[in-house]
Every structure is written in structure tokens, then in C-alpha cells.
C-alpha atoms as a PDB file:
ATOM      1  CA  MET A   1      30.662  24.992 -16.812  1.00  0.00           C
ATOM      2  CA  LEU A   2      29.576  25.615 -20.380  1.00  0.00           C
ATOM      3  CA  THR A   3      26.962  28.297 -20.860  1.00  0.00           C
ATOM      4  CA  ALA A   4      27.401  29.719 -24.354  1.00  0.00           C
ATOM      5  CA  ILE A   5      25.544  28.034 -27.200  1.00  0.00           C
ATOM      6  CA  GLU A   6      28.718  28.006 -29.278  1.00  0.00           C
ATOM      7  CA  GLU A   7      30.559  26.097 -26.561  1.00  0.00           C
ATOM      8  CA  THR A   8      27.667  23.666 -26.147  1.00  0.00           C
ATOM      9  CA  ASN A   9      27.820  22.780 -29.856  1.00  0.00           C
ATOM     10  CA  GLY A  10      31.146  21.085 -29.172  1.00  0.00           C
ATOM     11  CA  LEU A  11      29.658  18.702 -26.611  1.00  0.00           C
ATOM     12  CA  GLY A  12      28.023  16.371 -29.077  1.00  0.00           C
ATOM     13  CA  VAL A  13      25.685  16.040 -32.019  1.00  0.00           C
ATOM     14  CA  HIS A  14      22.649  18.280 -32.262  1.00  0.00           C
ATOM     15  CA  SER A  15      19.559  16.107 -31.698  1.00  0.00           C
ATOM     16  CA  VAL A  16      15.927  16.364 -32.787  1.00  0.00           C
ATOM     17  CA  PHE A  17      14.775  16.469 -29.150  1.00  0.00           C
ATOM     18  CA  THR A  18      13.849  19.508 -27.130  1.00  0.00           C
ATOM     19  CA  CYS A  19      14.465  19.947 -23.438  1.00  0.00           C
ATOM     20  CA  PRO A  20      11.390  18.984 -21.388  1.00  0.00           C
ATOM     21  CA  ASP A  21      12.236  21.694 -18.851  1.00  0.00           C
ATOM     22  CA  CYS A  22      12.992  24.740 -21.005  1.00  0.00           C
ATOM     23  CA  GLY A  23      12.076  23.724 -24.560  1.00  0.00           C
ATOM     24  CA  GLY A  24      15.575  24.421 -25.842  1.00  0.00           C
ATOM     25  CA  ASN A  25      17.575  22.403 -28.341  1.00  0.00           C
ATOM     26  CA  MET A  26      19.402  19.352 -27.050  1.00  0.00           C
ATOM     27  CA  TRP A  27      22.689  17.735 -27.957  1.00  0.00           C
ATOM     28  CA  ARG A  28      23.324  13.999 -27.918  1.00  0.00           C
ATOM     29  CA  ILE A  29      26.470  13.158 -26.006  1.00  0.00           C
ATOM     30  CA  GLN A  30      28.029   9.722 -26.316  1.00  0.00           C
ATOM     31  CA  ASP A  31      29.950   8.969 -23.130  1.00  0.00           C
ATOM     32  CA  GLY A  32      31.259   5.434 -23.630  1.00  0.00           C
ATOM     33  CA  GLU A  33      28.207   3.188 -23.427  1.00  0.00           C
ATOM     34  CA  LEU A  34      26.112   5.958 -21.885  1.00  0.00           C
ATOM     35  CA  ILE A  35      24.082   8.303 -24.084  1.00  0.00           C
ATOM     36  CA  ARG A  36      23.099  11.608 -22.529  1.00  0.00           C
ATOM     37  CA  TYR A  37      21.234  14.672 -23.746  1.00  0.00           C
ATOM     38  CA  ARG A  38      21.966  18.233 -22.690  1.00  0.00           C
ATOM     39  CA  CYS A  39      20.479  21.601 -23.581  1.00  0.00           C
ATOM     40  CA  TYR A  40      22.518  24.800 -23.734  1.00  0.00           C
ATOM     41  CA  THR A  41      20.881  25.970 -20.496  1.00  0.00           C
ATOM     42  CA  GLY A  42      22.456  23.033 -18.671  1.00  0.00           C
ATOM     43  CA  HIS A  43      19.590  20.590 -18.185  1.00  0.00           C
ATOM     44  CA  ALA A  44      20.967  17.092 -18.727  1.00  0.00           C
ATOM     45  CA  TYR A  45      19.298  13.690 -19.021  1.00  0.00           C
ATOM     46  CA  THR A  46      20.075  10.093 -19.668  1.00  0.00           C
ATOM     47  CA  GLU A  47      17.853   8.508 -22.320  1.00  0.00           C
ATOM     48  CA  SER A  48      15.601   6.959 -19.663  1.00  0.00           C
ATOM     49  CA  GLN A  49      15.304  10.258 -17.772  1.00  0.00           C
ATOM     50  CA  LEU A  50      14.422  12.082 -20.991  1.00  0.00           C
ATOM     51  CA  LEU A  51      11.747   9.497 -21.774  1.00  0.00           C
ATOM     52  CA  THR A  52      10.298   9.794 -18.257  1.00  0.00           C
ATOM     53  CA  ASN A  53      10.166  13.601 -18.427  1.00  0.00           C
ATOM     54  CA  GLN A  54       8.582  13.523 -21.894  1.00  0.00           C
ATOM     55  CA  THR A  55       5.932  11.079 -20.645  1.00  0.00           C
ATOM     56  CA  GLU A  56       5.141  13.291 -17.639  1.00  0.00           C
ATOM     57  CA  ASN A  57       4.867  16.368 -19.880  1.00  0.00           C
ATOM     58  CA  ILE A  58       2.548  14.553 -22.295  1.00  0.00           C
ATOM     59  CA  GLU A  59       0.283  13.420 -19.463  1.00  0.00           C
ATOM     60  CA  ARG A  60       0.190  16.905 -17.921  1.00  0.00           C
ATOM     61  CA  THR A  61      -0.590  18.452 -21.329  1.00  0.00           C
ATOM     62  CA  LEU A  62      -3.415  16.000 -22.011  1.00  0.00           C
ATOM     63  CA  TRP A  63      -5.025  16.723 -18.624  1.00  0.00           C
ATOM     64  CA  ILE A  64      -4.781  20.455 -19.302  1.00  0.00           C
ATOM     65  CA  ALA A  65      -6.370  19.983 -22.746  1.00  0.00           C
ATOM     66  CA  LEU A  66      -9.189  17.906 -21.239  1.00  0.00           C
ATOM     67  CA  ARG A  67      -9.874  20.518 -18.562  1.00  0.00           C
ATOM     68  CA  MET A  68      -9.880  23.304 -21.162  1.00  0.00           C
ATOM     69  CA  MET A  69     -12.336  21.424 -23.396  1.00  0.00           C
ATOM     70  CA  GLU A  70     -14.662  20.801 -20.442  1.00  0.00           C
ATOM     71  CA  GLU A  71     -14.505  24.485 -19.464  1.00  0.00           C
ATOM     72  CA  ARG A  72     -15.210  25.529 -23.061  1.00  0.00           C
ATOM     73  CA  LYS A  73     -18.179  23.157 -23.227  1.00  0.00           C
ATOM     74  CA  LYS A  74     -19.631  24.664 -20.037  1.00  0.00           C
ATOM     75  CA  LEU A  75     -19.023  28.195 -21.303  1.00  0.00           C
ATOM     76  CA  LEU A  76     -20.720  27.463 -24.644  1.00  0.00           C
ATOM     77  CA  GLU A  77     -23.666  25.914 -22.794  1.00  0.00           C
ATOM     78  CA  ASN A  78     -24.023  29.111 -20.723  1.00  0.00           C
ATOM     79  CA  ILE A  79     -23.975  31.535 -23.653  1.00  0.00           C
ATOM     80  CA  PRO A  80     -27.467  30.702 -25.096  1.00  0.00           C
ATOM     81  CA  ALA A  81     -28.959  30.776 -21.598  1.00  0.00           C
ATOM     82  CA  GLN A  82     -27.632  34.294 -21.000  1.00  0.00           C
ATOM     83  CA  GLY A  83     -28.948  35.510 -24.367  1.00  0.00           C
ATOM     84  CA  ALA A  84     -32.484  34.332 -23.540  1.00  0.00           C
ATOM     85  CA  GLU A  85     -32.770  36.619 -20.506  1.00  0.00           C
END
């Protein structure tokens, strides 16, 4: 099992994608007709798996952003009311 970054560099071509699990760099590995992506930590994905994980992360991030904006709105609404007391 490869664990060192230097050893991982030999697996394939460094890609522009980051690992959806750890945020690390990923390498594109051509395995015949199959294209895979792997980070130096060991997370590995086919192209369709990578797309699915990216989509899930985007959706989760958007819901978090929406919740944070709603909480901020409520907090800002409360601040003038507290100052009036």
C-alpha cells in the first residue's frame, strides 16, 4: 500500500481535483478504459463516484450556508431589541 506522497506521484498524473473526503490533492490514474482518482491518503474514486461525492458535498455546504444566513438574520433582528431595553 502506498502512503508516501512521493510514491503516490508515480501512480498517475496530478489532477486539478481535491479529495471530497480529506481535501487533499488527487492523481488521475488511467487503468485501461477506466479512469480513477486517488489522493495520497488512499481515498479512491471512479469518475462517477467522484462526481457523486462532489454533488453531495455541494448540497451539504449550501444547506449549511442557508442555515447560517438564517441564524445571522435572527441574531441581527435581536440586537436592536436588546439595545432598546
